[in-house]
Amino acid sequence: MAEVSQPSFLVDTQSDPVAIRIQGRASFQNSAAIKDFFAEMIGQGKRRFMMDFEPCTSMDSTFLGVLAGAALQLRKVEPRGSLVLCRMSPRNSELVCNLGLNRLLTVDPGAAELNMAGATQKVAGEKLDEVASARLVLEAHENLVQADGSNHEKFQDVLAFLKGRLDA
């Protein structure tokens, strides 16, 4: 699959579940946009989300931490929400499972392609300044630790570095 020149999130906010297609690389550079999108949709009462990862070329731990945060938030709302990841590559599925996120959200390897006919927008976020970016990355990694305590050892250096940087 060719790399998408500009990574983006295509969404259909009117579908149930809310449909999200990740196009290109999902990383710390575009994680703020999807974090804000989840917060806005949950604030509007949306509780069910399905994400299509077929066009997703790769993802990093910050993006995964944002997904963990959304899944944790969906567990706290009434009625309880759900987040389903579908059409993941073996590598992306492995990343999700290695961080224990499969215990917070659903990985559906057999799901059919989402109908994105009603997709009306691409989620885009503003470029974060250095401090806001560090806060996002820290929060995302704290979400990963909250999702699975064994992640603390994996990310303790990142957490310590970012906390030290933000406290300076």
N, C-alpha and C. Protein backbone atom coordinates (compact mmCIF):
# COMPACT_ATOMS: atom_id res chain seq x y z
N MET A 1 0.84 -1.17 0.00
CA MET A 1 0.00 0.00 0.00
C MET A 1 0.89 1.24 0.00
N ALA A 2 0.56 2.20 -0.83
CA ALA A 2 1.33 3.44 -0.88
C ALA A 2 1.07 4.27 0.36
N GLU A 3 2.08 4.93 0.82
CA GLU A 3 1.97 5.80 1.99
C GLU A 3 1.08 6.99 1.64
N VAL A 4 0.13 7.30 2.49
CA VAL A 4 -0.72 8.48 2.31
C VAL A 4 0.16 9.69 2.58
N SER A 5 0.13 10.67 1.67
CA SER A 5 1.04 11.80 1.82
C SER A 5 0.76 12.59 3.09
N GLN A 6 -0.48 12.79 3.42
CA GLN A 6 -0.83 13.53 4.63
C GLN A 6 -1.74 12.65 5.47
N PRO A 7 -1.25 12.13 6.59
CA PRO A 7 -2.10 11.28 7.43
C PRO A 7 -3.37 12.03 7.85
N SER A 8 -4.47 11.29 7.93
CA SER A 8 -5.73 11.93 8.31
C SER A 8 -6.68 10.91 8.91
N PHE A 9 -7.73 11.42 9.50
CA PHE A 9 -8.79 10.61 10.08
C PHE A 9 -10.09 11.02 9.40
N LEU A 10 -10.67 10.13 8.64
CA LEU A 10 -11.94 10.36 7.97
C LEU A 10 -13.03 9.85 8.91
N VAL A 11 -14.07 10.64 9.16
CA VAL A 11 -15.08 10.25 10.14
C VAL A 11 -16.50 10.41 9.59
N ASP A 12 -17.38 9.57 10.12
CA ASP A 12 -18.81 9.69 9.88
C ASP A 12 -19.45 9.80 11.25
N THR A 13 -19.77 11.00 11.66
CA THR A 13 -20.31 11.25 13.00
C THR A 13 -21.78 10.89 13.12
N GLN A 14 -22.46 10.67 11.99
CA GLN A 14 -23.89 10.36 12.02
C GLN A 14 -24.16 8.86 12.10
N SER A 15 -23.15 8.04 11.85
CA SER A 15 -23.36 6.59 11.90
C SER A 15 -23.33 6.11 13.35
N ASP A 16 -23.90 4.94 13.56
CA ASP A 16 -23.84 4.30 14.88
C ASP A 16 -23.41 2.86 14.66
N PRO A 17 -22.19 2.55 15.02
CA PRO A 17 -21.23 3.36 15.76
C PRO A 17 -20.61 4.47 14.89
N VAL A 18 -20.07 5.49 15.57
CA VAL A 18 -19.32 6.53 14.86
C VAL A 18 -18.17 5.83 14.15
N ALA A 19 -18.04 6.09 12.84
CA ALA A 19 -17.02 5.43 12.03
C ALA A 19 -15.81 6.35 11.86
N ILE A 20 -14.64 5.76 12.05
CA ILE A 20 -13.39 6.51 11.91
C ILE A 20 -12.44 5.65 11.06
N ARG A 21 -11.91 6.23 10.01
CA ARG A 21 -10.92 5.53 9.19
C ARG A 21 -9.60 6.28 9.31
N ILE A 22 -8.58 5.54 9.69
CA ILE A 22 -7.24 6.12 9.85
C ILE A 22 -6.51 5.93 8.54
N GLN A 23 -6.08 7.02 7.94
CA GLN A 23 -5.38 6.97 6.67
C GLN A 23 -3.94 7.43 6.89
N GLY A 24 -2.98 6.53 6.65
CA GLY A 24 -1.58 6.88 6.82
C GLY A 24 -1.07 6.53 8.21
N ARG A 25 -0.07 7.26 8.65
CA ARG A 25 0.59 7.00 9.92
C ARG A 25 -0.12 7.71 11.06
N ALA A 26 -0.47 6.96 12.10
CA ALA A 26 -1.08 7.52 13.30
C ALA A 26 0.02 7.72 14.33
N SER A 27 0.31 8.97 14.67
CA SER A 27 1.45 9.23 15.53
C SER A 27 1.19 10.42 16.46
N PHE A 28 2.20 10.73 17.26
CA PHE A 28 2.10 11.86 18.18
C PHE A 28 1.81 13.15 17.41
N GLN A 29 2.17 13.21 16.15
CA GLN A 29 1.96 14.42 15.37
C GLN A 29 0.49 14.68 15.05
N ASN A 30 -0.33 13.64 15.02
CA ASN A 30 -1.75 13.85 14.72
C ASN A 30 -2.67 13.28 15.81
N SER A 31 -2.11 12.92 16.95
CA SER A 31 -2.91 12.33 18.02
C SER A 31 -3.81 13.34 18.73
N ALA A 32 -3.40 14.59 18.78
CA ALA A 32 -4.23 15.60 19.46
C ALA A 32 -5.58 15.72 18.77
N ALA A 33 -5.59 15.63 17.45
CA ALA A 33 -6.84 15.77 16.70
C ALA A 33 -7.82 14.66 17.06
N ILE A 34 -7.35 13.44 17.13
CA ILE A 34 -8.26 12.33 17.42
C ILE A 34 -8.67 12.34 18.89
N LYS A 35 -7.78 12.77 19.77
CA LYS A 35 -8.11 12.90 21.20
C LYS A 35 -9.24 13.92 21.36
N ASP A 36 -9.12 15.07 20.71
CA ASP A 36 -10.16 16.10 20.79
C ASP A 36 -11.47 15.61 20.16
N PHE A 37 -11.36 14.85 19.08
CA PHE A 37 -12.55 14.32 18.42
C PHE A 37 -13.31 13.39 19.36
N PHE A 38 -12.60 12.45 19.99
CA PHE A 38 -13.26 11.55 20.94
C PHE A 38 -13.94 12.34 22.06
N ALA A 39 -13.24 13.31 22.63
CA ALA A 39 -13.81 14.11 23.72
C ALA A 39 -15.08 14.83 23.26
N GLU A 40 -15.04 15.40 22.08
CA GLU A 40 -16.21 16.11 21.56
C GLU A 40 -17.38 15.15 21.33
N MET A 41 -17.13 14.01 20.72
CA MET A 41 -18.20 13.05 20.43
C MET A 41 -18.78 12.46 21.72
N ILE A 42 -17.94 12.12 22.67
CA ILE A 42 -18.43 11.59 23.94
C ILE A 42 -19.24 12.66 24.66
N GLY A 43 -18.78 13.91 24.58
CA GLY A 43 -19.53 15.03 25.16
C GLY A 43 -20.89 15.22 24.52
N GLN A 44 -21.03 14.83 23.26
CA GLN A 44 -22.31 14.92 22.55
C GLN A 44 -23.18 13.68 22.77
N GLY A 45 -22.70 12.76 23.61
CA GLY A 45 -23.50 11.58 23.92
C GLY A 45 -23.22 10.35 23.07
N LYS A 46 -22.24 10.43 22.18
CA LYS A 46 -21.87 9.26 21.37
C LYS A 46 -21.16 8.27 22.28
N ARG A 47 -21.51 7.00 22.13
CA ARG A 47 -20.95 5.97 23.02
C ARG A 47 -20.30 4.81 22.28
N ARG A 48 -20.57 4.69 20.98
CA ARG A 48 -20.05 3.54 20.24
C ARG A 48 -19.19 4.05 19.08
N PHE A 49 -17.97 3.51 18.99
CA PHE A 49 -17.02 3.93 17.97
C PHE A 49 -16.41 2.69 17.31
N MET A 50 -16.22 2.77 16.00
CA MET A 50 -15.51 1.72 15.28
C MET A 50 -14.46 2.39 14.41
N MET A 51 -13.23 1.89 14.53
CA MET A 51 -12.11 2.46 13.79
C MET A 51 -11.58 1.46 12.77
N ASP A 52 -11.48 1.90 11.53
CA ASP A 52 -10.98 1.08 10.43
C ASP A 52 -9.49 1.38 10.26
N PHE A 53 -8.67 0.36 10.50
CA PHE A 53 -7.22 0.51 10.44
C PHE A 53 -6.62 0.02 9.13
N GLU A 54 -7.44 -0.43 8.18
CA GLU A 54 -6.88 -1.00 6.95
C GLU A 54 -5.93 -0.03 6.25
N PRO A 55 -6.30 1.25 6.11
CA PRO A 55 -5.36 2.17 5.46
C PRO A 55 -4.32 2.78 6.41
N CYS A 56 -4.23 2.29 7.64
CA CYS A 56 -3.26 2.80 8.62
C CYS A 56 -1.92 2.09 8.41
N THR A 57 -0.91 2.84 8.06
CA THR A 57 0.39 2.25 7.75
C THR A 57 1.20 1.91 8.99
N SER A 58 1.04 2.67 10.07
CA SER A 58 1.75 2.41 11.32
C SER A 58 1.20 3.31 12.40
N MET A 59 1.57 3.01 13.64
CA MET A 59 1.14 3.85 14.76
C MET A 59 2.21 3.80 15.84
N ASP A 60 2.24 4.86 16.64
CA ASP A 60 3.22 4.92 17.71
C ASP A 60 2.53 4.84 19.07
N SER A 61 3.33 4.82 20.12
CA SER A 61 2.80 4.64 21.47
C SER A 61 1.94 5.82 21.92
N THR A 62 2.22 7.01 21.44
CA THR A 62 1.37 8.15 21.82
C THR A 62 -0.03 7.96 21.27
N PHE A 63 -0.14 7.58 20.01
CA PHE A 63 -1.46 7.34 19.43
C PHE A 63 -2.18 6.23 20.19
N LEU A 64 -1.46 5.16 20.50
CA LEU A 64 -2.07 4.05 21.25
C LEU A 64 -2.51 4.52 22.63
N GLY A 65 -1.75 5.41 23.24
CA GLY A 65 -2.14 5.97 24.54
C GLY A 65 -3.39 6.82 24.44
N VAL A 66 -3.56 7.52 23.34
CA VAL A 66 -4.78 8.30 23.12
C VAL A 66 -5.97 7.36 22.98
N LEU A 67 -5.79 6.24 22.26
CA LEU A 67 -6.86 5.24 22.17
C LEU A 67 -7.19 4.66 23.54
N ALA A 68 -6.15 4.39 24.34
CA ALA A 68 -6.37 3.88 25.69
C ALA A 68 -7.17 4.88 26.50
N GLY A 69 -6.83 6.16 26.38
CA GLY A 69 -7.57 7.21 27.10
C GLY A 69 -9.02 7.26 26.69
N ALA A 70 -9.29 7.13 25.39
CA ALA A 70 -10.68 7.13 24.92
C ALA A 70 -11.42 5.92 25.46
N ALA A 71 -10.78 4.75 25.42
CA ALA A 71 -11.42 3.53 25.93
C ALA A 71 -11.69 3.64 27.43
N LEU A 72 -10.74 4.20 28.16
CA LEU A 72 -10.95 4.40 29.61
C LEU A 72 -12.11 5.35 29.86
N GLN A 73 -12.18 6.42 29.07
CA GLN A 73 -13.27 7.39 29.22
C GLN A 73 -14.62 6.73 28.90
N LEU A 74 -14.65 5.89 27.86
CA LEU A 74 -15.90 5.22 27.48
C LEU A 74 -16.37 4.23 28.54
N ARG A 75 -15.46 3.73 29.35
CA ARG A 75 -15.84 2.82 30.44
C ARG A 75 -16.50 3.57 31.59
N LYS A 76 -16.26 4.87 31.68
CA LYS A 76 -16.76 5.66 32.81
C LYS A 76 -18.12 6.29 32.55
N VAL A 77 -18.53 6.38 31.30
CA VAL A 77 -19.78 7.06 30.97
C VAL A 77 -20.96 6.10 31.10
N GLU A 78 -22.14 6.66 31.24
CA GLU A 78 -23.38 5.89 31.28
C GLU A 78 -24.25 6.32 30.12
N PRO A 79 -24.74 5.41 29.33
CA PRO A 79 -24.39 4.00 29.35
C PRO A 79 -22.94 3.82 28.88
N ARG A 80 -22.36 2.73 29.33
CA ARG A 80 -20.97 2.44 29.03
C ARG A 80 -20.75 2.37 27.52
N GLY A 81 -19.66 2.95 27.06
CA GLY A 81 -19.37 2.98 25.64
C GLY A 81 -18.45 1.86 25.19
N SER A 82 -18.20 1.84 23.88
CA SER A 82 -17.32 0.81 23.32
C SER A 82 -16.47 1.39 22.20
N LEU A 83 -15.31 0.80 22.05
CA LEU A 83 -14.39 1.17 20.98
C LEU A 83 -13.92 -0.12 20.33
N VAL A 84 -14.20 -0.25 19.02
CA VAL A 84 -13.84 -1.45 18.27
C VAL A 84 -12.83 -1.05 17.20
N LEU A 85 -11.73 -1.81 17.14
CA LEU A 85 -10.72 -1.61 16.12
C LEU A 85 -10.86 -2.74 15.11
N CYS A 86 -10.96 -2.41 13.85
CA CYS A 86 -11.14 -3.45 12.84
C CYS A 86 -10.15 -3.29 11.69
N ARG A 87 -9.99 -4.40 10.94
CA ARG A 87 -9.14 -4.46 9.76
C ARG A 87 -7.71 -4.00 10.07
N MET A 88 -7.18 -4.50 11.18
CA MET A 88 -5.81 -4.14 11.57
C MET A 88 -4.81 -5.07 10.90
N SER A 89 -3.67 -4.52 10.55
CA SER A 89 -2.58 -5.35 10.04
C SER A 89 -2.07 -6.21 11.20
N PRO A 90 -1.41 -7.30 10.90
CA PRO A 90 -0.85 -8.12 11.99
C PRO A 90 0.06 -7.30 12.92
N ARG A 91 0.86 -6.42 12.35
CA ARG A 91 1.78 -5.61 13.18
C ARG A 91 1.01 -4.67 14.10
N ASN A 92 0.00 -3.96 13.57
CA ASN A 92 -0.78 -3.04 14.40
C ASN A 92 -1.54 -3.80 15.48
N SER A 93 -2.09 -4.95 15.14
CA SER A 93 -2.80 -5.77 16.11
C SER A 93 -1.85 -6.23 17.23
N GLU A 94 -0.64 -6.60 16.84
CA GLU A 94 0.37 -7.01 17.81
C GLU A 94 0.71 -5.87 18.77
N LEU A 95 0.84 -4.67 18.25
CA LEU A 95 1.14 -3.51 19.10
C LEU A 95 0.03 -3.30 20.14
N VAL A 96 -1.21 -3.37 19.70
CA VAL A 96 -2.36 -3.19 20.60
C VAL A 96 -2.34 -4.25 21.70
N CYS A 97 -2.13 -5.49 21.32
CA CYS A 97 -2.14 -6.59 22.29
C CYS A 97 -0.94 -6.56 23.23
N ASN A 98 0.23 -6.21 22.71
CA ASN A 98 1.43 -6.14 23.55
C ASN A 98 1.33 -5.11 24.65
N LEU A 99 0.51 -4.09 24.44
CA LEU A 99 0.33 -3.05 25.47
C LEU A 99 -0.91 -3.32 26.33
N GLY A 100 -1.59 -4.43 26.09
CA GLY A 100 -2.74 -4.81 26.90
C GLY A 100 -4.01 -4.05 26.58
N LEU A 101 -4.02 -3.33 25.47
CA LEU A 101 -5.21 -2.54 25.14
C LEU A 101 -6.38 -3.40 24.71
N ASN A 102 -6.10 -4.63 24.30
CA ASN A 102 -7.19 -5.54 23.92
C ASN A 102 -8.09 -5.88 25.10
N ARG A 103 -7.67 -5.54 26.31
CA ARG A 103 -8.52 -5.74 27.49
C ARG A 103 -9.44 -4.53 27.74
N LEU A 104 -9.16 -3.42 27.06
CA LEU A 104 -9.96 -2.20 27.22
C LEU A 104 -10.92 -1.99 26.05
N LEU A 105 -10.50 -2.44 24.90
CA LEU A 105 -11.28 -2.23 23.69
C LEU A 105 -11.35 -3.54 22.92
N THR A 106 -12.10 -3.56 21.86
CA THR A 106 -12.28 -4.78 21.09
C THR A 106 -11.48 -4.72 19.80
N VAL A 107 -10.72 -5.76 19.54
CA VAL A 107 -10.03 -5.91 18.26
C VAL A 107 -10.81 -6.95 17.48
N ASP A 108 -11.39 -6.53 16.37
CA ASP A 108 -12.23 -7.40 15.55
C ASP A 108 -11.53 -7.68 14.23
N PRO A 109 -10.82 -8.81 14.14
CA PRO A 109 -10.06 -9.09 12.92
C PRO A 109 -10.95 -9.44 11.73
N GLY A 110 -12.19 -9.80 11.97
CA GLY A 110 -13.06 -10.24 10.88
C GLY A 110 -14.04 -9.20 10.39
N ALA A 111 -13.99 -8.00 10.93
CA ALA A 111 -14.97 -6.99 10.56
C ALA A 111 -14.83 -6.59 9.10
N ALA A 112 -15.95 -6.36 8.47
CA ALA A 112 -15.95 -5.90 7.09
C ALA A 112 -15.59 -4.41 7.05
N GLU A 113 -15.29 -3.94 5.87
CA GLU A 113 -14.96 -2.53 5.69
C GLU A 113 -16.13 -1.68 6.16
N LEU A 114 -15.83 -0.61 6.84
CA LEU A 114 -16.87 0.32 7.29
C LEU A 114 -17.46 1.04 6.10
N ASN A 115 -18.75 1.29 6.18
CA ASN A 115 -19.41 2.09 5.16
C ASN A 115 -19.15 3.55 5.51
N MET A 116 -18.31 4.17 4.73
CA MET A 116 -17.96 5.56 4.99
C MET A 116 -18.67 6.51 4.04
N ALA A 117 -19.80 6.05 3.47
CA ALA A 117 -20.53 6.87 2.50
C ALA A 117 -21.00 8.17 3.12
N GLY A 118 -21.28 8.15 4.42
CA GLY A 118 -21.75 9.37 5.08
C GLY A 118 -20.63 10.21 5.65
N ALA A 119 -19.39 9.82 5.41
CA ALA A 119 -18.26 10.58 5.95
C ALA A 119 -18.25 11.97 5.36
N THR A 120 -18.25 12.94 6.22
CA THR A 120 -18.34 14.32 5.76
C THR A 120 -17.13 15.16 6.12
N GLN A 121 -16.25 14.60 6.91
CA GLN A 121 -15.15 15.45 7.35
C GLN A 121 -13.89 14.64 7.64
N LYS A 122 -12.81 15.35 7.57
CA LYS A 122 -11.55 14.80 8.03
C LYS A 122 -11.21 15.53 9.31
N VAL A 123 -10.77 14.77 10.30
CA VAL A 123 -10.41 15.37 11.57
C VAL A 123 -8.99 15.90 11.43
N ALA A 124 -8.83 17.15 11.72
CA ALA A 124 -7.50 17.77 11.69
C ALA A 124 -7.34 18.59 12.94
N GLY A 125 -6.16 18.63 13.44
CA GLY A 125 -5.91 19.40 14.64
C GLY A 125 -4.89 20.48 14.38
N GLU A 126 -4.85 21.40 15.32
CA GLU A 126 -3.84 22.44 15.24
C GLU A 126 -2.49 21.88 15.65
N LYS A 127 -1.45 22.46 15.12
CA LYS A 127 -0.11 22.05 15.51
C LYS A 127 0.12 22.53 16.93
N LEU A 128 0.54 21.60 17.79
CA LEU A 128 0.76 21.92 19.20
C LEU A 128 2.13 22.55 19.41
N ASP A 129 2.20 23.45 20.38
CA ASP A 129 3.52 23.97 20.74
C ASP A 129 4.26 22.90 21.54
N GLU A 130 5.50 23.16 21.87
CA GLU A 130 6.34 22.15 22.51
C GLU A 130 5.79 21.67 23.86
N VAL A 131 5.29 22.59 24.66
CA VAL A 131 4.77 22.22 25.98
C VAL A 131 3.47 21.41 25.85
N ALA A 132 2.57 21.86 24.98
CA ALA A 132 1.30 21.14 24.78
C ALA A 132 1.57 19.75 24.20
N SER A 133 2.53 19.66 23.32
CA SER A 133 2.89 18.36 22.74
C SER A 133 3.45 17.43 23.82
N ALA A 134 4.30 17.95 24.69
CA ALA A 134 4.86 17.14 25.78
C ALA A 134 3.76 16.68 26.72
N ARG A 135 2.79 17.55 27.00
CA ARG A 135 1.67 17.17 27.87
C ARG A 135 0.84 16.05 27.24
N LEU A 136 0.59 16.16 25.95
CA LEU A 136 -0.17 15.13 25.24
C LEU A 136 0.56 13.79 25.29
N VAL A 137 1.85 13.79 25.01
CA VAL A 137 2.63 12.56 25.02
C VAL A 137 2.67 11.96 26.42
N LEU A 138 2.84 12.81 27.44
CA LEU A 138 2.85 12.33 28.83
C LEU A 138 1.51 11.70 29.19
N GLU A 139 0.42 12.40 28.90
CA GLU A 139 -0.92 11.88 29.23
C GLU A 139 -1.18 10.56 28.51
N ALA A 140 -0.77 10.47 27.25
CA ALA A 140 -0.98 9.24 26.48
C ALA A 140 -0.24 8.07 27.11
N HIS A 141 0.99 8.30 27.54
CA HIS A 141 1.77 7.22 28.14
C HIS A 141 1.27 6.88 29.54
N GLU A 142 0.75 7.85 30.26
CA GLU A 142 0.11 7.56 31.55
C GLU A 142 -1.14 6.71 31.33
N ASN A 143 -1.88 6.96 30.24
CA ASN A 143 -3.04 6.13 29.89
C ASN A 143 -2.62 4.69 29.65
N LEU A 144 -1.49 4.50 28.98
CA LEU A 144 -1.01 3.14 28.72
C LEU A 144 -0.68 2.41 30.01
N VAL A 145 -0.11 3.13 30.97
CA VAL A 145 0.21 2.53 32.27
C VAL A 145 -1.08 2.21 33.03
N GLN A 146 -2.05 3.12 32.95
CA GLN A 146 -3.34 2.87 33.61
C GLN A 146 -4.04 1.66 32.97
N ALA A 147 -3.90 1.51 31.67
CA ALA A 147 -4.54 0.40 30.97
C ALA A 147 -3.92 -0.93 31.36
N ASP A 148 -2.61 -0.95 31.60
CA ASP A 148 -1.91 -2.19 31.95
C ASP A 148 -0.66 -1.80 32.73
N GLY A 149 -0.64 -2.14 34.00
CA GLY A 149 0.46 -1.76 34.89
C GLY A 149 1.83 -2.20 34.40
N SER A 150 1.89 -3.28 33.63
CA SER A 150 3.19 -3.74 33.13
C SER A 150 3.79 -2.76 32.12
N ASN A 151 3.00 -1.83 31.62
CA ASN A 151 3.52 -0.83 30.70
C ASN A 151 4.40 0.20 31.41
N HIS A 152 4.31 0.28 32.73
CA HIS A 152 5.14 1.25 33.45
C HIS A 152 6.62 1.01 33.19
N GLU A 153 7.00 -0.24 33.25
CA GLU A 153 8.40 -0.57 33.02
C GLU A 153 8.83 -0.21 31.59
N LYS A 154 7.95 -0.42 30.64
CA LYS A 154 8.26 -0.12 29.24
C LYS A 154 8.46 1.38 29.01
N PHE A 155 7.68 2.18 29.73
CA PHE A 155 7.66 3.62 29.44
C PHE A 155 8.18 4.48 30.59
N GLN A 156 8.80 3.89 31.61
CA GLN A 156 9.23 4.68 32.76
C GLN A 156 10.22 5.78 32.39
N ASP A 157 11.11 5.52 31.44
CA ASP A 157 12.08 6.54 31.04
C ASP A 157 11.39 7.69 30.31
N VAL A 158 10.43 7.38 29.46
CA VAL A 158 9.68 8.41 28.75
C VAL A 158 8.90 9.26 29.75
N LEU A 159 8.24 8.59 30.69
CA LEU A 159 7.45 9.31 31.71
C LEU A 159 8.34 10.22 32.54
N ALA A 160 9.48 9.71 32.99
CA ALA A 160 10.39 10.51 33.82
C ALA A 160 10.93 11.70 33.03
N PHE A 161 11.31 11.47 31.79
CA PHE A 161 11.83 12.55 30.96
C PHE A 161 10.79 13.65 30.77
N LEU A 162 9.57 13.26 30.40
CA LEU A 162 8.53 14.25 30.14
C LEU A 162 8.11 14.99 31.41
N LYS A 163 8.00 14.28 32.52
CA LYS A 163 7.65 14.96 33.78
C LYS A 163 8.73 15.95 34.15
N GLY A 164 9.99 15.56 34.00
CA GLY A 164 11.09 16.47 34.30
C GLY A 164 11.08 17.68 33.37
N ARG A 165 10.78 17.46 32.14
CA ARG A 165 10.74 18.56 31.17
C ARG A 165 9.60 19.53 31.46
N LEU A 166 8.46 19.00 31.85
CA LEU A 166 7.31 19.85 32.14
C LEU A 166 7.46 20.57 33.49
N ASP A 167 8.18 19.97 34.40
CA ASP A 167 8.40 20.61 35.71
C ASP A 167 9.47 21.69 35.65
N ALA A 168 10.30 21.66 34.62
CA ALA A 168 11.43 22.61 34.52
C ALA A 168 10.95 24.01 34.21
